[in-house]
Amino acid sequence: MSGTHPTVTAVIPFYNDPFVGEAVESALAQTYPAMEIIVVNDGSTREAERLLPYRGRIHELGKANGGTATALNHGFRLASGTYVAWLSSDDRWAKDKIAKQVDFMERSGAWISHTGFRWMDERGKPERRAVWLEFENMHDFYKSFLKSNAVNGCTVMMRKSLFDQLGGFDERLPFTHDYDFWLRAILGGYPLSYLPDALTDYRRHPAMGSIRHKAEIEREFQAVSLRYRDEIARLLTALRPPARVSLRGG
């Protein structure tokens, strides 16, 4: 790891996923020179052999199966990086993802940031059109959290110290731990800064959790949203448009 660049730890939670090799390859291919890669095997019963070619180039951690939040917490807590970033085992990063995002965060002073992304199909072919935020200002962006989660977790990078300060992901939330964490960051005074570059390929496939657990995700989302609704309402009242800080991608 380089002493002249802030260090970054990429954490890849993994459970029985045949696409994990592509995720690891994309992390290893990063142009950023100060990288640590941790794969957290969350009690997989198959596909773990796909990690064998990367022994010596990644840190592989094993644990009993507990879900994504537990795997992320395990990896982030052991991360040595100044920054930490999450990559799902079925997704991929563009090779300059980490370099661009570190530069953005160092220049802006952001403690947590996210970016645009592209959908890709099950075979790994990305769509040409990128997915960007379509909010005119931060007020509208934060208001959207009352109805949905517009932040793709695999685009997020944060300071390790922020993760520690907020106590990590809530392991009681199997599906909306990311949404809960973003809300705690926002309400704690850490804006979710946005870099409108598509730097992650987000895979659609029949086994993805958002398809298999759609009903459970919606119930859990509503419960978390209700918990923070009053605090979000107070934040929206405090934000005063017309501060026209556009979040549109170009």
C-alpha atoms as a PDB file:
ATOM      1  CA  MET A   1       0.000   0.000   0.000  1.00  0.00           C
ATOM      2  CA  SER A   2       1.269   3.459  -0.926  1.00  0.00           C
ATOM      3  CA  GLY A   3       2.261   5.987   1.715  1.00  0.00           C
ATOM      4  CA  THR A   4       1.423   8.934  -0.551  1.00  0.00           C
ATOM      5  CA  HIS A   5      -2.252   8.122  -1.122  1.00  0.00           C
ATOM      6  CA  PRO A   6      -5.096   7.630   1.370  1.00  0.00           C
ATOM      7  CA  THR A   7      -5.567   3.888   1.707  1.00  0.00           C
ATOM      8  CA  VAL A   8      -8.834   2.264   0.609  1.00  0.00           C
ATOM      9  CA  THR A   9     -10.251  -1.080   1.704  1.00  0.00           C
ATOM     10  CA  ALA A  10     -12.733  -2.783  -0.607  1.00  0.00           C
ATOM     11  CA  VAL A  11     -15.041  -5.223   1.183  1.00  0.00           C
ATOM     12  CA  ILE A  12     -16.828  -7.913  -0.841  1.00  0.00           C
ATOM     13  CA  PRO A  13     -19.448  -9.890   1.124  1.00  0.00           C
ATOM     14  CA  PHE A  14     -19.864 -13.318  -0.457  1.00  0.00           C
ATOM     15  CA  TYR A  15     -22.436 -16.083  -0.080  1.00  0.00           C
ATOM     16  CA  ASN A  16     -22.833 -18.919  -2.630  1.00  0.00           C
ATOM     17  CA  ASP A  17     -22.380 -16.507  -5.542  1.00  0.00           C
ATOM     18  CA  PRO A  18     -21.069 -17.772  -8.901  1.00  0.00           C
ATOM     19  CA  PHE A  19     -20.235 -14.200  -9.980  1.00  0.00           C
ATOM     20  CA  VAL A  20     -17.761 -13.512  -7.162  1.00  0.00           C
ATOM     21  CA  GLY A  21     -14.730 -13.938  -9.423  1.00  0.00           C
ATOM     22  CA  GLU A  22     -15.846 -11.032 -11.605  1.00  0.00           C
ATOM     23  CA  ALA A  23     -16.244  -8.807  -8.552  1.00  0.00           C
ATOM     24  CA  VAL A  24     -12.768  -9.698  -7.265  1.00  0.00           C
ATOM     25  CA  GLU A  25     -11.222  -9.185 -10.714  1.00  0.00           C
ATOM     26  CA  SER A  26     -12.735  -5.701 -10.935  1.00  0.00           C
ATOM     27  CA  ALA A  27     -11.378  -4.801  -7.493  1.00  0.00           C
ATOM     28  CA  LEU A  28      -7.916  -6.110  -8.384  1.00  0.00           C
ATOM     29  CA  ALA A  29      -7.991  -4.159 -11.655  1.00  0.00           C
ATOM     30  CA  GLN A  30      -8.369  -0.783  -9.942  1.00  0.00           C
ATOM     31  CA  THR A  31      -5.909   1.856 -11.079  1.00  0.00           C
ATOM     32  CA  TYR A  32      -5.696   3.260  -7.554  1.00  0.00           C
ATOM     33  CA  PRO A  33      -2.353   2.256  -5.985  1.00  0.00           C
ATOM     34  CA  ALA A  34      -3.262   2.030  -2.281  1.00  0.00           C
ATOM     35  CA  MET A  35      -5.824  -0.777  -2.160  1.00  0.00           C
ATOM     36  CA  GLU A  36      -6.669  -3.544   0.271  1.00  0.00           C
ATOM     37  CA  ILE A  37      -9.279  -6.142  -0.769  1.00  0.00           C
ATOM     38  CA  ILE A  38     -11.225  -8.153   1.803  1.00  0.00           C
ATOM     39  CA  VAL A  39     -13.662 -10.890   0.775  1.00  0.00           C
ATOM     40  CA  VAL A  40     -15.929 -11.969   3.620  1.00  0.00           C
ATOM     41  CA  ASN A  41     -17.187 -15.505   3.076  1.00  0.00           C
ATOM     42  CA  ASP A  42     -20.519 -15.447   4.917  1.00  0.00           C
ATOM     43  CA  GLY A  43     -20.759 -19.203   5.508  1.00  0.00           C
ATOM     44  CA  SER A  44     -20.948 -20.236   1.851  1.00  0.00           C
ATOM     45  CA  THR A  45     -21.711 -23.875   1.078  1.00  0.00           C
ATOM     46  CA  ARG A  46     -20.681 -23.616  -2.580  1.00  0.00           C
ATOM     47  CA  GLU A  47     -18.717 -21.446  -5.037  1.00  0.00           C
ATOM     48  CA  ALA A  48     -15.890 -20.750  -2.558  1.00  0.00           C
ATOM     49  CA  GLU A  49     -13.425 -22.451  -4.913  1.00  0.00           C
ATOM     50  CA  ARG A  50     -13.799 -19.431  -7.200  1.00  0.00           C
ATOM     51  CA  LEU A  51     -11.638 -17.497  -4.732  1.00  0.00           C
ATOM     52  CA  LEU A  52      -8.680 -19.885  -4.992  1.00  0.00           C
ATOM     53  CA  PRO A  53      -6.958 -18.096  -7.915  1.00  0.00           C
ATOM     54  CA  TYR A  54      -6.796 -14.896  -5.854  1.00  0.00           C
ATOM     55  CA  ARG A  55      -5.072 -16.296  -2.774  1.00  0.00           C
ATOM     56  CA  GLY A  56      -2.187 -14.021  -1.854  1.00  0.00           C
ATOM     57  CA  ARG A  57      -3.763 -10.982  -3.523  1.00  0.00           C
ATOM     58  CA  ILE A  58      -6.827 -10.654  -1.298  1.00  0.00           C
ATOM     59  CA  HIS A  59      -7.675 -11.199   2.348  1.00  0.00           C
ATOM     60  CA  GLU A  60     -10.344 -13.863   2.714  1.00  0.00           C
ATOM     61  CA  LEU A  61     -12.276 -13.873   5.975  1.00  0.00           C
ATOM     62  CA  GLY A  62     -14.641 -16.672   6.969  1.00  0.00           C
ATOM     63  CA  LYS A  63     -17.615 -16.495   9.297  1.00  0.00           C
ATOM     64  CA  ALA A  64     -20.889 -18.238  10.066  1.00  0.00           C
ATOM     65  CA  ASN A  65     -23.763 -17.197   7.834  1.00  0.00           C
ATOM     66  CA  GLY A  66     -25.451 -14.093   9.192  1.00  0.00           C
ATOM     67  CA  GLY A  67     -26.407 -11.927   6.236  1.00  0.00           C
ATOM     68  CA  THR A  68     -24.939  -8.991   4.358  1.00  0.00           C
ATOM     69  CA  ALA A  69     -24.937  -6.524   7.259  1.00  0.00           C
ATOM     70  CA  THR A  70     -22.906  -8.909   9.427  1.00  0.00           C
ATOM     71  CA  ALA A  71     -20.452  -9.589   6.603  1.00  0.00           C
ATOM     72  CA  LEU A  72     -19.979  -5.885   5.877  1.00  0.00           C
ATOM     73  CA  ASN A  73     -19.452  -5.087   9.538  1.00  0.00           C
ATOM     74  CA  HIS A  74     -16.916  -7.899   9.872  1.00  0.00           C
ATOM     75  CA  GLY A  75     -14.942  -6.675   6.869  1.00  0.00           C
ATOM     76  CA  PHE A  76     -15.130  -2.954   7.613  1.00  0.00           C
ATOM     77  CA  ARG A  77     -14.127  -3.401  11.258  1.00  0.00           C
ATOM     78  CA  LEU A  78     -10.951  -5.207  10.194  1.00  0.00           C
ATOM     79  CA  ALA A  79     -10.214  -2.796   7.325  1.00  0.00           C
ATOM     80  CA  SER A  80      -6.949  -0.872   7.501  1.00  0.00           C
ATOM     81  CA  GLY A  81      -7.964   1.765   4.935  1.00  0.00           C
ATOM     82  CA  THR A  82      -8.682   5.430   5.568  1.00  0.00           C
ATOM     83  CA  TYR A  83     -11.659   4.855   3.286  1.00  0.00           C
ATOM     84  CA  VAL A  84     -13.875   1.787   2.956  1.00  0.00           C
ATOM     85  CA  ALA A  85     -16.008   0.770  -0.016  1.00  0.00           C
ATOM     86  CA  TRP A  86     -18.542  -2.029  -0.510  1.00  0.00           C
ATOM     87  CA  LEU A  87     -18.773  -4.203  -3.619  1.00  0.00           C
ATOM     88  CA  SER A  88     -21.468  -6.876  -3.863  1.00  0.00           C
ATOM     89  CA  SER A  89     -20.150 -10.203  -5.112  1.00  0.00           C
ATOM     90  CA  ASP A  90     -22.367 -10.131  -8.213  1.00  0.00           C
ATOM     91  CA  ASP A  91     -21.404  -6.598  -9.312  1.00  0.00           C
ATOM     92  CA  ARG A  92     -18.326  -4.942 -10.829  1.00  0.00           C
ATOM     93  CA  TRP A  93     -16.447  -1.669 -10.577  1.00  0.00           C
ATOM     94  CA  ALA A  94     -15.014   0.370 -13.436  1.00  0.00           C
ATOM     95  CA  LYS A  95     -11.224   0.253 -13.227  1.00  0.00           C
ATOM     96  CA  ASP A  96     -10.959   3.930 -12.236  1.00  0.00           C
ATOM     97  CA  LYS A  97     -13.826   3.858  -9.716  1.00  0.00           C
ATOM     98  CA  ILE A  98     -11.720   4.104  -6.580  1.00  0.00           C
ATOM     99  CA  ALA A  99      -9.270   6.629  -8.036  1.00  0.00           C
ATOM    100  CA  LYS A 100     -12.026   8.989  -9.165  1.00  0.00           C
ATOM    101  CA  GLN A 101     -13.992   8.712  -5.940  1.00  0.00           C
ATOM    102  CA  VAL A 102     -10.991   9.247  -3.658  1.00  0.00           C
ATOM    103  CA  ASP A 103     -10.013  12.315  -5.678  1.00  0.00           C
ATOM    104  CA  PHE A 104     -13.581  13.643  -5.439  1.00  0.00           C
ATOM    105  CA  MET A 105     -13.751  13.085  -1.682  1.00  0.00           C
ATOM    106  CA  GLU A 106     -10.322  14.525  -0.967  1.00  0.00           C
ATOM    107  CA  ARG A 107     -11.096  17.655  -2.984  1.00  0.00           C
ATOM    108  CA  SER A 108     -14.593  18.142  -1.532  1.00  0.00           C
ATOM    109  CA  GLY A 109     -13.865  17.068   2.031  1.00  0.00           C
ATOM    110  CA  ALA A 110     -16.770  14.580   1.903  1.00  0.00           C
ATOM    111  CA  TRP A 111     -16.981  11.888   4.557  1.00  0.00           C
ATOM    112  CA  ILE A 112     -19.330   9.702   2.524  1.00  0.00           C
ATOM    113  CA  SER A 113     -20.162   9.728  -1.179  1.00  0.00           C
ATOM    114  CA  HIS A 114     -21.944   7.765  -3.881  1.00  0.00           C
ATOM    115  CA  THR A 115     -21.931   7.712  -7.679  1.00  0.00           C
ATOM    116  CA  GLY A 116     -23.982   6.784 -10.709  1.00  0.00           C
ATOM    117  CA  PHE A 117     -24.044   3.223 -12.063  1.00  0.00           C
ATOM    118  CA  ARG A 118     -25.079   1.071 -15.010  1.00  0.00           C
ATOM    119  CA  TRP A 119     -27.366  -1.943 -15.061  1.00  0.00           C
ATOM    120  CA  MET A 120     -25.878  -5.078 -16.591  1.00  0.00           C
ATOM    121  CA  ASP A 121     -27.551  -8.334 -17.543  1.00  0.00           C
ATOM    122  CA  GLU A 122     -26.905 -11.765 -16.059  1.00  0.00           C
ATOM    123  CA  ARG A 123     -24.115 -12.426 -18.566  1.00  0.00           C
ATOM    124  CA  GLY A 124     -22.318  -9.238 -17.585  1.00  0.00           C
ATOM    125  CA  LYS A 125     -23.234  -7.004 -20.512  1.00  0.00           C
ATOM    126  CA  PRO A 126     -23.762  -3.432 -19.259  1.00  0.00           C
ATOM    127  CA  GLU A 127     -26.413  -1.127 -20.652  1.00  0.00           C
ATOM    128  CA  ARG A 128     -25.151   1.913 -22.538  1.00  0.00           C
ATOM    129  CA  ARG A 129     -27.379   4.321 -20.639  1.00  0.00           C
ATOM    130  CA  ALA A 130     -26.231   5.148 -17.107  1.00  0.00           C
ATOM    131  CA  VAL A 131     -28.425   5.589 -14.041  1.00  0.00           C
ATOM    132  CA  TRP A 132     -28.020   9.022 -12.456  1.00  0.00           C
ATOM    133  CA  LEU A 133     -29.899  10.883  -9.771  1.00  0.00           C
ATOM    134  CA  GLU A 134     -32.605  13.166 -11.103  1.00  0.00           C
ATOM    135  CA  PHE A 135     -32.986  15.554  -8.157  1.00  0.00           C
ATOM    136  CA  GLU A 136     -32.551  19.296  -8.530  1.00  0.00           C
ATOM    137  CA  ASN A 137     -31.200  19.862  -5.003  1.00  0.00           C
ATOM    138  CA  MET A 138     -30.337  18.190  -1.724  1.00  0.00           C
ATOM    139  CA  HIS A 139     -33.756  18.984  -0.255  1.00  0.00           C
ATOM    140  CA  ASP A 140     -35.478  16.925  -2.960  1.00  0.00           C
ATOM    141  CA  PHE A 141     -32.885  14.168  -2.683  1.00  0.00           C
ATOM    142  CA  TYR A 142     -33.377  13.812   1.068  1.00  0.00           C
ATOM    143  CA  LYS A 143     -37.154  14.019   0.661  1.00  0.00           C
ATOM    144  CA  SER A 144     -36.985  10.961  -1.604  1.00  0.00           C
ATOM    145  CA  PHE A 145     -35.801   8.875   1.356  1.00  0.00           C
ATOM    146  CA  LEU A 146     -39.329   9.001   2.730  1.00  0.00           C
ATOM    147  CA  LYS A 147     -40.424   6.775  -0.171  1.00  0.00           C
ATOM    148  CA  SER A 148     -37.372   4.951  -1.501  1.00  0.00           C
ATOM    149  CA  ASN A 149     -33.627   4.406  -1.256  1.00  0.00           C
ATOM    150  CA  ALA A 150     -31.966   6.141  -4.196  1.00  0.00           C
ATOM    151  CA  VAL A 151     -28.411   5.208  -3.150  1.00  0.00           C
ATOM    152  CA  ASN A 152     -26.800   2.092  -4.602  1.00  0.00           C
ATOM    153  CA  GLY A 153     -24.614   0.635  -1.856  1.00  0.00           C
ATOM    154  CA  CYS A 154     -21.912  -0.568  -4.248  1.00  0.00           C
ATOM    155  CA  THR A 155     -21.290   3.008  -5.349  1.00  0.00           C
ATOM    156  CA  VAL A 156     -20.657   4.217  -1.791  1.00  0.00           C
ATOM    157  CA  MET A 157     -17.318   5.094  -0.259  1.00  0.00           C
ATOM    158  CA  MET A 158     -16.927   6.483   3.248  1.00  0.00           C
ATOM    159  CA  ARG A 159     -14.264   7.284   5.765  1.00  0.00           C
ATOM    160  CA  LYS A 160     -13.584   4.315   8.026  1.00  0.00           C
ATOM    161  CA  SER A 161     -13.876   6.682  10.977  1.00  0.00           C
ATOM    162  CA  LEU A 162     -17.472   7.513   9.973  1.00  0.00           C
ATOM    163  CA  PHE A 163     -18.362   3.821   9.876  1.00  0.00           C
ATOM    164  CA  ASP A 164     -16.887   3.449  13.366  1.00  0.00           C
ATOM    165  CA  GLN A 165     -18.573   6.594  14.663  1.00  0.00           C
ATOM    166  CA  LEU A 166     -22.038   5.478  13.500  1.00  0.00           C
ATOM    167  CA  GLY A 167     -21.576   1.958  14.863  1.00  0.00           C
ATOM    168  CA  GLY A 168     -21.685   0.121  11.537  1.00  0.00           C
ATOM    169  CA  PHE A 169     -24.701  -1.438   9.846  1.00  0.00           C
ATOM    170  CA  ASP A 170     -27.692  -2.554  11.904  1.00  0.00           C
ATOM    171  CA  GLU A 171     -27.474  -6.348  11.858  1.00  0.00           C
ATOM    172  CA  ARG A 172     -31.138  -6.631  12.843  1.00  0.00           C
ATOM    173  CA  LEU A 173     -32.036  -5.404   9.342  1.00  0.00           C
ATOM    174  CA  PRO A 174     -31.330  -8.130   6.780  1.00  0.00           C
ATOM    175  CA  PHE A 175     -32.500  -6.061   3.783  1.00  0.00           C
ATOM    176  CA  THR A 176     -32.441  -2.340   4.596  1.00  0.00           C
ATOM    177  CA  HIS A 177     -29.256  -2.000   6.656  1.00  0.00           C
ATOM    178  CA  ASP A 178     -27.864   0.287   3.939  1.00  0.00           C
ATOM    179  CA  TYR A 179     -30.930   2.565   3.907  1.00  0.00           C
ATOM    180  CA  ASP A 180     -30.794   2.789   7.701  1.00  0.00           C
ATOM    181  CA  PHE A 181     -27.084   3.677   7.611  1.00  0.00           C
ATOM    182  CA  TRP A 182     -27.549   6.413   4.982  1.00  0.00           C
ATOM    183  CA  LEU A 183     -30.288   7.973   7.119  1.00  0.00           C
ATOM    184  CA  ARG A 184     -28.116   7.902  10.227  1.00  0.00           C
ATOM    185  CA  ALA A 185     -25.289   9.551   8.291  1.00  0.00           C
ATOM    186  CA  ILE A 186     -27.547  12.278   6.888  1.00  0.00           C
ATOM    187  CA  LEU A 187     -29.218  12.974  10.222  1.00  0.00           C
ATOM    188  CA  GLY A 188     -25.826  12.955  11.926  1.00  0.00           C
ATOM    189  CA  GLY A 189     -24.681  15.855   9.750  1.00  0.00           C
ATOM    190  CA  TYR A 190     -22.770  13.958   7.039  1.00  0.00           C
ATOM    191  CA  PRO A 191     -24.205  14.775   3.599  1.00  0.00           C
ATOM    192  CA  LEU A 192     -24.244  12.008   0.993  1.00  0.00           C
ATOM    193  CA  SER A 193     -22.054  13.749  -1.574  1.00  0.00           C
ATOM    194  CA  TYR A 194     -22.660  12.751  -5.165  1.00  0.00           C
ATOM    195  CA  LEU A 195     -20.246  12.106  -8.017  1.00  0.00           C
ATOM    196  CA  PRO A 196     -22.335  11.802 -11.204  1.00  0.00           C
ATOM    197  CA  ASP A 197     -20.092   9.277 -12.975  1.00  0.00           C
ATOM    198  CA  ALA A 198     -21.285   5.730 -13.702  1.00  0.00           C
ATOM    199  CA  LEU A 199     -18.515   3.715 -12.020  1.00  0.00           C
ATOM    200  CA  THR A 200     -20.313   0.470 -11.053  1.00  0.00           C
ATOM    201  CA  ASP A 201     -22.014  -2.252 -13.108  1.00  0.00           C
ATOM    202  CA  TYR A 202     -25.053  -3.495 -11.171  1.00  0.00           C
ATOM    203  CA  ARG A 203     -26.165  -6.961 -12.229  1.00  0.00           C
ATOM    204  CA  ARG A 204     -29.784  -7.999 -12.777  1.00  0.00           C
ATOM    205  CA  HIS A 205     -30.345 -11.735 -12.366  1.00  0.00           C
ATOM    206  CA  PRO A 206     -33.073 -14.038 -10.990  1.00  0.00           C
ATOM    207  CA  ALA A 207     -31.179 -14.863  -7.777  1.00  0.00           C
ATOM    208  CA  MET A 208     -30.617 -11.254  -6.689  1.00  0.00           C
ATOM    209  CA  GLY A 209     -32.057 -10.479  -3.278  1.00  0.00           C
ATOM    210  CA  SER A 210     -34.169  -7.522  -4.394  1.00  0.00           C
ATOM    211  CA  ILE A 211     -36.174  -9.930  -6.577  1.00  0.00           C
ATOM    212  CA  ARG A 212     -36.340 -12.940  -4.240  1.00  0.00           C
ATOM    213  CA  HIS A 213     -37.226 -10.904  -1.135  1.00  0.00           C
ATOM    214  CA  LYS A 214     -39.267  -8.057  -2.584  1.00  0.00           C
ATOM    215  CA  ALA A 215     -42.170  -8.296  -0.128  1.00  0.00           C
ATOM    216  CA  GLU A 216     -39.934  -8.586   2.937  1.00  0.00           C
ATOM    217  CA  ILE A 217     -37.827  -5.650   1.753  1.00  0.00           C
ATOM    218  CA  GLU A 218     -40.901  -3.447   1.384  1.00  0.00           C
ATOM    219  CA  ARG A 219     -42.151  -4.294   4.895  1.00  0.00           C
ATOM    220  CA  GLU A 220     -38.762  -3.649   6.429  1.00  0.00           C
ATOM    221  CA  PHE A 221     -38.344  -0.412   4.469  1.00  0.00           C
ATOM    222  CA  GLN A 222     -41.673   0.920   5.733  1.00  0.00           C
ATOM    223  CA  ALA A 223     -40.723   0.167   9.332  1.00  0.00           C
ATOM    224  CA  VAL A 224     -37.341   1.902   9.038  1.00  0.00           C
ATOM    225  CA  SER A 225     -38.846   4.864   7.192  1.00  0.00           C
ATOM    226  CA  LEU A 226     -41.435   5.326   9.919  1.00  0.00           C
ATOM    227  CA  ARG A 227     -38.729   5.257  12.594  1.00  0.00           C
ATOM    228  CA  TYR A 228     -36.901   8.226  11.048  1.00  0.00           C
ATOM    229  CA  ARG A 229     -39.834  10.096   9.474  1.00  0.00           C
ATOM    230  CA  ASP A 230     -40.068  12.880  12.062  1.00  0.00           C
ATOM    231  CA  GLU A 231     -36.311  13.533  12.016  1.00  0.00           C
ATOM    232  CA  ILE A 232     -36.277  13.652   8.222  1.00  0.00           C
ATOM    233  CA  ALA A 233     -39.212  16.092   8.287  1.00  0.00           C
ATOM    234  CA  ARG A 234     -37.275  18.404  10.635  1.00  0.00           C
ATOM    235  CA  LEU A 235     -34.222  18.226   8.381  1.00  0.00           C
ATOM    236  CA  LEU A 236     -36.304  19.106   5.318  1.00  0.00           C
ATOM    237  CA  THR A 237     -37.753  22.090   7.161  1.00  0.00           C
ATOM    238  CA  ALA A 238     -34.223  23.275   7.993  1.00  0.00           C
ATOM    239  CA  LEU A 239     -33.052  22.993   4.381  1.00  0.00           C
ATOM    240  CA  ARG A 240     -33.955  26.122   2.510  1.00  0.00           C
ATOM    241  CA  PRO A 241     -34.279  26.008  -1.247  1.00  0.00           C
ATOM    242  CA  PRO A 242     -33.636  27.789  -3.559  1.00  0.00           C
ATOM    243  CA  ALA A 243     -30.106  26.498  -2.960  1.00  0.00           C
ATOM    244  CA  ARG A 244     -29.904  25.083  -6.493  1.00  0.00           C
ATOM    245  CA  VAL A 245     -27.256  22.417  -6.140  1.00  0.00           C
ATOM    246  CA  SER A 246     -28.121  20.107  -9.015  1.00  0.00           C
ATOM    247  CA  LEU A 247     -27.609  16.374  -8.629  1.00  0.00           C
ATOM    248  CA  ARG A 248     -28.383  15.552 -12.246  1.00  0.00           C
ATOM    249  CA  GLY A 249     -25.901  13.459 -14.174  1.00  0.00           C
ATOM    250  CA  GLY A 250     -24.621  14.692 -17.496  1.00  0.00           C
END
